[in-house]
């Protein structure tokens, strides 16, 4: 799933085209997507340690509990 999810198939196709174009531009300009720094949190989620991942995310970002939970759930 991409950044956005939508039940509208036309919108999904349009978004997929935009993402392909952006990927092509980035490749042409030799732009690399920076690491988001969440690999350790993804590992905690894989290990079923979501509460710990939420805690670490909150400490790093100052996010609310609800926002941190939403972020970790998205991983």
PDB file of N, CA and C in Angstrom:
ATOM      1  N   UNK A   1       0.843  -1.162   0.000  1.00  0.00           N
ATOM      2  CA  UNK A   1       0.000   0.000   0.000  1.00  0.00           C
ATOM      3  C   UNK A   1       0.889   1.225   0.000  1.00  0.00           C
ATOM      4  N   UNK A   2       0.484   2.235  -0.750  1.00  0.00           N
ATOM      5  CA  UNK A   2       1.251   3.457  -0.829  1.00  0.00           C
ATOM      6  C   UNK A   2       0.976   4.386   0.337  1.00  0.00           C
ATOM      7  N   UNK A   3       1.336   5.614   0.155  1.00  0.00           N
ATOM      8  CA  UNK A   3       1.153   6.598   1.207  1.00  0.00           C
ATOM      9  C   UNK A   3      -0.316   6.805   1.537  1.00  0.00           C
ATOM     10  N   UNK A   4      -1.154   6.792   0.521  1.00  0.00           N
ATOM     11  CA  UNK A   4      -2.586   6.992   0.718  1.00  0.00           C
ATOM     12  C   UNK A   4      -3.321   5.737   0.306  1.00  0.00           C
ATOM     13  N   UNK A   5      -4.407   5.436   0.980  1.00  0.00           N
ATOM     14  CA  UNK A   5      -5.240   4.326   0.540  1.00  0.00           C
ATOM     15  C   UNK A   5      -6.624   4.883   0.266  1.00  0.00           C
ATOM     16  N   UNK A   6      -7.222   4.439  -0.798  1.00  0.00           N
ATOM     17  CA  UNK A   6      -8.518   4.958  -1.187  1.00  0.00           C
ATOM     18  C   UNK A   6      -9.312   3.876  -1.889  1.00  0.00           C
ATOM     19  N   UNK A   7     -10.618   3.858  -1.709  1.00  0.00           N
ATOM     20  CA  UNK A   7     -11.425   2.874  -2.407  1.00  0.00           C
ATOM     21  C   UNK A   7     -11.665   3.240  -3.869  1.00  0.00           C
ATOM     22  N   UNK A   8     -11.346   4.463  -4.263  1.00  0.00           N
ATOM     23  CA  UNK A   8     -11.581   4.913  -5.635  1.00  0.00           C
ATOM     24  C   UNK A   8     -10.480   4.380  -6.550  1.00  0.00           C
ATOM     25  N   UNK A   9     -10.815   3.440  -7.462  1.00  0.00           N
ATOM     26  CA  UNK A   9      -9.778   2.860  -8.322  1.00  0.00           C
ATOM     27  C   UNK A   9      -9.137   3.876  -9.260  1.00  0.00           C
ATOM     28  N   UNK A  10      -9.902   4.873  -9.721  1.00  0.00           N
ATOM     29  CA  UNK A  10      -9.319   5.891 -10.606  1.00  0.00           C
ATOM     30  C   UNK A  10      -8.284   6.723  -9.866  1.00  0.00           C
ATOM     31  N   UNK A  11      -8.583   7.045  -8.627  1.00  0.00           N
ATOM     32  CA  UNK A  11      -7.638   7.808  -7.824  1.00  0.00           C
ATOM     33  C   UNK A  11      -6.397   6.974  -7.519  1.00  0.00           C
ATOM     34  N   UNK A  12      -6.585   5.693  -7.281  1.00  0.00           N
ATOM     35  CA  UNK A  12      -5.450   4.802  -7.037  1.00  0.00           C
ATOM     36  C   UNK A  12      -4.546   4.716  -8.252  1.00  0.00           C
ATOM     37  N   UNK A  13      -5.134   4.628  -9.441  1.00  0.00           N
ATOM     38  CA  UNK A  13      -4.335   4.583 -10.676  1.00  0.00           C
ATOM     39  C   UNK A  13      -3.587   5.893 -10.885  1.00  0.00           C
ATOM     40  N   UNK A  14      -4.265   6.993 -10.623  1.00  0.00           N
ATOM     41  CA  UNK A  14      -3.644   8.303 -10.773  1.00  0.00           C
ATOM     42  C   UNK A  14      -2.460   8.450  -9.803  1.00  0.00           C
ATOM     43  N   UNK A  15      -2.647   8.021  -8.566  1.00  0.00           N
ATOM     44  CA  UNK A  15      -1.579   8.084  -7.580  1.00  0.00           C
ATOM     45  C   UNK A  15      -0.408   7.189  -7.982  1.00  0.00           C
ATOM     46  N   UNK A  16      -0.692   6.018  -8.507  1.00  0.00           N
ATOM     47  CA  UNK A  16       0.369   5.107  -8.948  1.00  0.00           C
ATOM     48  C   UNK A  16       1.183   5.747 -10.074  1.00  0.00           C
ATOM     49  N   UNK A  17       0.520   6.437 -10.999  1.00  0.00           N
ATOM     50  CA  UNK A  17       1.241   7.128 -12.084  1.00  0.00           C
ATOM     51  C   UNK A  17       2.126   8.239 -11.526  1.00  0.00           C
ATOM     52  N   UNK A  18       1.611   8.981 -10.580  1.00  0.00           N
ATOM     53  CA  UNK A  18       2.396  10.058  -9.969  1.00  0.00           C
ATOM     54  C   UNK A  18       3.618   9.483  -9.264  1.00  0.00           C
ATOM     55  N   UNK A  19       3.434   8.382  -8.544  1.00  0.00           N
ATOM     56  CA  UNK A  19       4.562   7.759  -7.848  1.00  0.00           C
ATOM     57  C   UNK A  19       5.613   7.263  -8.832  1.00  0.00           C
ATOM     58  N   UNK A  20       5.181   6.679  -9.962  1.00  0.00           N
ATOM     59  CA  UNK A  20       6.152   6.222 -10.980  1.00  0.00           C
ATOM     60  C   UNK A  20       6.928   7.403 -11.557  1.00  0.00           C
ATOM     61  N   UNK A  21       6.229   8.502 -11.822  1.00  0.00           N
ATOM     62  CA  UNK A  21       6.901   9.689 -12.354  1.00  0.00           C
ATOM     63  C   UNK A  21       7.902  10.243 -11.344  1.00  0.00           C
ATOM     64  N   UNK A  22       7.503  10.302 -10.104  1.00  0.00           N
ATOM     65  CA  UNK A  22       8.403  10.792  -9.063  1.00  0.00           C
ATOM     66  C   UNK A  22       9.631   9.887  -8.943  1.00  0.00           C
ATOM     67  N   UNK A  23       9.418   8.584  -8.999  1.00  0.00           N
ATOM     68  CA  UNK A  23      10.547   7.648  -8.955  1.00  0.00           C
ATOM     69  C   UNK A  23      11.496   7.887 -10.124  1.00  0.00           C
ATOM     70  N   UNK A  24      10.948   8.122 -11.316  1.00  0.00           N
ATOM     71  CA  UNK A  24      11.779   8.362 -12.501  1.00  0.00           C
ATOM     72  C   UNK A  24      12.573   9.655 -12.350  1.00  0.00           C
ATOM     73  N   UNK A  25      11.931  10.695 -11.864  1.00  0.00           N
ATOM     74  CA  UNK A  25      12.622  11.976 -11.653  1.00  0.00           C
ATOM     75  C   UNK A  25      13.752  11.807 -10.651  1.00  0.00           C
ATOM     76  N   UNK A  26      13.456  11.134  -9.539  1.00  0.00           N
ATOM     77  CA  UNK A  26      14.480  10.938  -8.520  1.00  0.00           C
ATOM     78  C   UNK A  26      15.650  10.122  -9.050  1.00  0.00           C
ATOM     79  N   UNK A  27      15.344   9.111  -9.857  1.00  0.00           N
ATOM     80  CA  UNK A  27      16.411   8.293 -10.434  1.00  0.00           C
ATOM     81  C   UNK A  27      17.255   9.134 -11.394  1.00  0.00           C
ATOM     82  N   UNK A  28      16.602   9.928 -12.230  1.00  0.00           N
ATOM     83  CA  UNK A  28      17.306  10.764 -13.203  1.00  0.00           C
ATOM     84  C   UNK A  28      18.221  11.775 -12.516  1.00  0.00           C
ATOM     85  N   UNK A  29      17.737  12.343 -11.410  1.00  0.00           N
ATOM     86  CA  UNK A  29      18.511  13.338 -10.682  1.00  0.00           C
ATOM     87  C   UNK A  29      19.431  12.706  -9.642  1.00  0.00           C
ATOM     88  N   UNK A  30      19.432  11.389  -9.583  1.00  0.00           N
ATOM     89  CA  UNK A  30      20.257  10.616  -8.656  1.00  0.00           C
ATOM     90  C   UNK A  30      19.995  11.025  -7.200  1.00  0.00           C
ATOM     91  N   UNK A  31      18.703  11.125  -6.882  1.00  0.00           N
ATOM     92  CA  UNK A  31      18.287  11.460  -5.529  1.00  0.00           C
ATOM     93  C   UNK A  31      17.909  10.167  -4.832  1.00  0.00           C
ATOM     94  N   UNK A  32      18.497   9.943  -3.681  1.00  0.00           N
ATOM     95  CA  UNK A  32      18.178   8.747  -2.906  1.00  0.00           C
ATOM     96  C   UNK A  32      17.216   9.118  -1.790  1.00  0.00           C
ATOM     97  N   UNK A  33      16.262   8.254  -1.541  1.00  0.00           N
ATOM     98  CA  UNK A  33      15.325   8.480  -0.451  1.00  0.00           C
ATOM     99  C   UNK A  33      16.086   8.287   0.854  1.00  0.00           C
ATOM    100  N   UNK A  34      16.049   9.294   1.721  1.00  0.00           N
ATOM    101  CA  UNK A  34      16.786   9.142   2.981  1.00  0.00           C
ATOM    102  C   UNK A  34      16.151   8.081   3.865  1.00  0.00           C
ATOM    103  N   UNK A  35      16.996   7.450   4.655  1.00  0.00           N
ATOM    104  CA  UNK A  35      16.524   6.463   5.625  1.00  0.00           C
ATOM    105  C   UNK A  35      15.626   7.171   6.625  1.00  0.00           C
ATOM    106  N   UNK A  36      14.484   6.572   6.935  1.00  0.00           N
ATOM    107  CA  UNK A  36      13.551   7.214   7.859  1.00  0.00           C
ATOM    108  C   UNK A  36      13.931   7.001   9.317  1.00  0.00           C
ATOM    109  N   UNK A  37      14.938   6.184   9.580  1.00  0.00           N
ATOM    110  CA  UNK A  37      15.405   5.980  10.939  1.00  0.00           C
ATOM    111  C   UNK A  37      14.480   5.139  11.803  1.00  0.00           C
ATOM    112  N   UNK A  38      13.592   4.402  11.176  1.00  0.00           N
ATOM    113  CA  UNK A  38      12.618   3.617  11.933  1.00  0.00           C
ATOM    114  C   UNK A  38      12.877   2.115  11.872  1.00  0.00           C
ATOM    115  N   UNK A  39      14.030   1.721  11.363  1.00  0.00           N
ATOM    116  CA  UNK A  39      14.313   0.286  11.225  1.00  0.00           C
ATOM    117  C   UNK A  39      14.286  -0.439  12.569  1.00  0.00           C
ATOM    118  N   UNK A  40      14.818   0.199  13.610  1.00  0.00           N
ATOM    119  CA  UNK A  40      14.806  -0.450  14.926  1.00  0.00           C
ATOM    120  C   UNK A  40      13.377  -0.610  15.442  1.00  0.00           C
ATOM    121  N   UNK A  41      12.516   0.343  15.141  1.00  0.00           N
ATOM    122  CA  UNK A  41      11.119   0.235  15.561  1.00  0.00           C
ATOM    123  C   UNK A  41      10.391  -0.856  14.779  1.00  0.00           C
ATOM    124  N   UNK A  42      10.708  -0.968  13.491  1.00  0.00           N
ATOM    125  CA  UNK A  42      10.118  -2.051  12.688  1.00  0.00           C
ATOM    126  C   UNK A  42      10.520  -3.413  13.261  1.00  0.00           C
ATOM    127  N   UNK A  43      11.761  -3.503  13.698  1.00  0.00           N
ATOM    128  CA  UNK A  43      12.239  -4.761  14.283  1.00  0.00           C
ATOM    129  C   UNK A  43      11.478  -5.079  15.568  1.00  0.00           C
ATOM    130  N   UNK A  44      11.249  -4.068  16.402  1.00  0.00           N
ATOM    131  CA  UNK A  44      10.466  -4.287  17.624  1.00  0.00           C
ATOM    132  C   UNK A  44       9.054  -4.760  17.290  1.00  0.00           C
ATOM    133  N   UNK A  45       8.451  -4.181  16.262  1.00  0.00           N
ATOM    134  CA  UNK A  45       7.099  -4.594  15.854  1.00  0.00           C
ATOM    135  C   UNK A  45       7.116  -6.052  15.394  1.00  0.00           C
ATOM    136  N   UNK A  46       8.140  -6.421  14.614  1.00  0.00           N
ATOM    137  CA  UNK A  46       8.254  -7.818  14.152  1.00  0.00           C
ATOM    138  C   UNK A  46       8.370  -8.783  15.324  1.00  0.00           C
ATOM    139  N   UNK A  47       9.005  -8.313  16.391  1.00  0.00           N
ATOM    140  CA  UNK A  47       9.194  -9.152  17.580  1.00  0.00           C
ATOM    141  C   UNK A  47       8.008  -9.072  18.544  1.00  0.00           C
ATOM    142  N   UNK A  48       6.906  -8.483  18.092  1.00  0.00           N
ATOM    143  CA  UNK A  48       5.695  -8.313  18.913  1.00  0.00           C
ATOM    144  C   UNK A  48       5.963  -7.502  20.180  1.00  0.00           C
ATOM    145  N   UNK A  49       6.799  -6.477  20.041  1.00  0.00           N
ATOM    146  CA  UNK A  49       7.121  -5.596  21.168  1.00  0.00           C
ATOM    147  C   UNK A  49       6.635  -4.181  20.833  1.00  0.00           C
ATOM    148  N   UNK A  50       5.344  -4.093  20.476  1.00  0.00           N
ATOM    149  CA  UNK A  50       4.770  -2.823  20.035  1.00  0.00           C
ATOM    150  C   UNK A  50       4.764  -1.767  21.131  1.00  0.00           C
ATOM    151  N   UNK A  51       4.502  -2.166  22.350  1.00  0.00           N
ATOM    152  CA  UNK A  51       4.470  -1.186  23.438  1.00  0.00           C
ATOM    153  C   UNK A  51       5.835  -0.524  23.597  1.00  0.00           C
ATOM    154  N   UNK A  52       6.879  -1.330  23.511  1.00  0.00           N
ATOM    155  CA  UNK A  52       8.235  -0.783  23.592  1.00  0.00           C
ATOM    156  C   UNK A  52       8.521   0.146  22.414  1.00  0.00           C
ATOM    157  N   UNK A  53       8.069  -0.252  21.225  1.00  0.00           N
ATOM    158  CA  UNK A  53       8.265   0.579  20.032  1.00  0.00           C
ATOM    159  C   UNK A  53       7.550   1.921  20.185  1.00  0.00           C
ATOM    160  N   UNK A  54       6.333   1.893  20.733  1.00  0.00           N
ATOM    161  CA  UNK A  54       5.583   3.125  20.957  1.00  0.00           C
ATOM    162  C   UNK A  54       6.326   4.021  21.937  1.00  0.00           C
ATOM    163  N   UNK A  55       6.833   3.430  22.998  1.00  0.00           N
ATOM    164  CA  UNK A  55       7.576   4.185  24.008  1.00  0.00           C
ATOM    165  C   UNK A  55       8.811   4.851  23.399  1.00  0.00           C
ATOM    166  N   UNK A  56       9.574   4.087  22.619  1.00  0.00           N
ATOM    167  CA  UNK A  56      10.784   4.627  21.991  1.00  0.00           C
ATOM    168  C   UNK A  56      10.416   5.759  21.033  1.00  0.00           C
ATOM    169  N   UNK A  57       9.368   5.554  20.247  1.00  0.00           N
ATOM    170  CA  UNK A  57       8.956   6.584  19.286  1.00  0.00           C
ATOM    171  C   UNK A  57       8.554   7.866  20.016  1.00  0.00           C
ATOM    172  N   UNK A  58       7.813   7.723  21.106  1.00  0.00           N
ATOM    173  CA  UNK A  58       7.394   8.901  21.880  1.00  0.00           C
ATOM    174  C   UNK A  58       8.595   9.628  22.465  1.00  0.00           C
ATOM    175  N   UNK A  59       9.575   8.871  22.966  1.00  0.00           N
ATOM    176  CA  UNK A  59      10.781   9.502  23.528  1.00  0.00           C
ATOM    177  C   UNK A  59      11.544  10.282  22.466  1.00  0.00           C
ATOM    178  N   UNK A  60      11.628   9.733  21.272  1.00  0.00           N
ATOM    179  CA  UNK A  60      12.371  10.383  20.187  1.00  0.00           C
ATOM    180  C   UNK A  60      11.672  11.621  19.652  1.00  0.00           C
ATOM    181  N   UNK A  61      10.351  11.547  19.553  1.00  0.00           N
ATOM    182  CA  UNK A  61       9.630  12.584  18.825  1.00  0.00           C
ATOM    183  C   UNK A  61       8.783  13.501  19.696  1.00  0.00           C
ATOM    184  N   UNK A  62       8.470  13.067  20.903  1.00  0.00           N
ATOM    185  CA  UNK A  62       7.561  13.847  21.727  1.00  0.00           C
ATOM    186  C   UNK A  62       6.112  13.708  21.293  1.00  0.00           C
ATOM    187  N   UNK A  63       5.828  12.701  20.485  1.00  0.00           N
ATOM    188  CA  UNK A  63       4.472  12.477  19.982  1.00  0.00           C
ATOM    189  C   UNK A  63       3.538  12.073  21.115  1.00  0.00           C
ATOM    190  N   UNK A  64       2.259  12.329  20.898  1.00  0.00           N
ATOM    191  CA  UNK A  64       1.257  11.875  21.863  1.00  0.00           C
ATOM    192  C   UNK A  64       1.157  10.358  21.782  1.00  0.00           C
ATOM    193  N   UNK A  65       0.540   9.780  22.790  1.00  0.00           N
ATOM    194  CA  UNK A  65       0.354   8.335  22.789  1.00  0.00           C
ATOM    195  C   UNK A  65      -0.445   7.884  21.572  1.00  0.00           C
ATOM    196  N   UNK A  66      -1.511   8.607  21.259  1.00  0.00           N
ATOM    197  CA  UNK A  66      -2.353   8.236  20.111  1.00  0.00           C
ATOM    198  C   UNK A  66      -1.571   8.331  18.801  1.00  0.00           C
ATOM    199  N   UNK A  67      -0.800   9.408  18.628  1.00  0.00           N
ATOM    200  CA  UNK A  67      -0.016   9.573  17.402  1.00  0.00           C
ATOM    201  C   UNK A  67       1.076   8.512  17.290  1.00  0.00           C
ATOM    202  N   UNK A  68       1.723   8.216  18.411  1.00  0.00           N
ATOM    203  CA  UNK A  68       2.773   7.197  18.403  1.00  0.00           C
ATOM    204  C   UNK A  68       2.188   5.823  18.070  1.00  0.00           C
ATOM    205  N   UNK A  69       1.048   5.510  18.653  1.00  0.00           N
ATOM    206  CA  UNK A  69       0.407   4.221  18.375  1.00  0.00           C
ATOM    207  C   UNK A  69       0.033   4.126  16.903  1.00  0.00           C
ATOM    208  N   UNK A  70      -0.508   5.202  16.351  1.00  0.00           N
ATOM    209  CA  UNK A  70      -0.880   5.208  14.927  1.00  0.00           C
ATOM    210  C   UNK A  70       0.349   4.989  14.051  1.00  0.00           C
ATOM    211  N   UNK A  71       1.452   5.643  14.408  1.00  0.00           N
ATOM    212  CA  UNK A  71       2.682   5.478  13.614  1.00  0.00           C
ATOM    213  C   UNK A  71       3.185   4.037  13.688  1.00  0.00           C
ATOM    214  N   UNK A  72       3.246   3.495  14.882  1.00  0.00           N
ATOM    215  CA  UNK A  72       3.749   2.123  15.041  1.00  0.00           C
ATOM    216  C   UNK A  72       2.817   1.136  14.362  1.00  0.00           C
ATOM    217  N   UNK A  73       1.516   1.356  14.455  1.00  0.00           N
ATOM    218  CA  UNK A  73       0.566   0.479  13.763  1.00  0.00           C
ATOM    219  C   UNK A  73       0.747   0.535  12.254  1.00  0.00           C
ATOM    220  N   UNK A  74       1.217   1.663  11.735  1.00  0.00           N
ATOM    221  CA  UNK A  74       1.419   1.794  10.290  1.00  0.00           C
ATOM    222  C   UNK A  74       2.666   1.054   9.806  1.00  0.00           C
ATOM    223  N   UNK A  75       3.560   0.713  10.749  1.00  0.00           N
ATOM    224  CA  UNK A  75       4.775  -0.003  10.366  1.00  0.00           C
ATOM    225  C   UNK A  75       4.452  -1.454  10.124  1.00  0.00           C
TER     226      UNK A  75
END
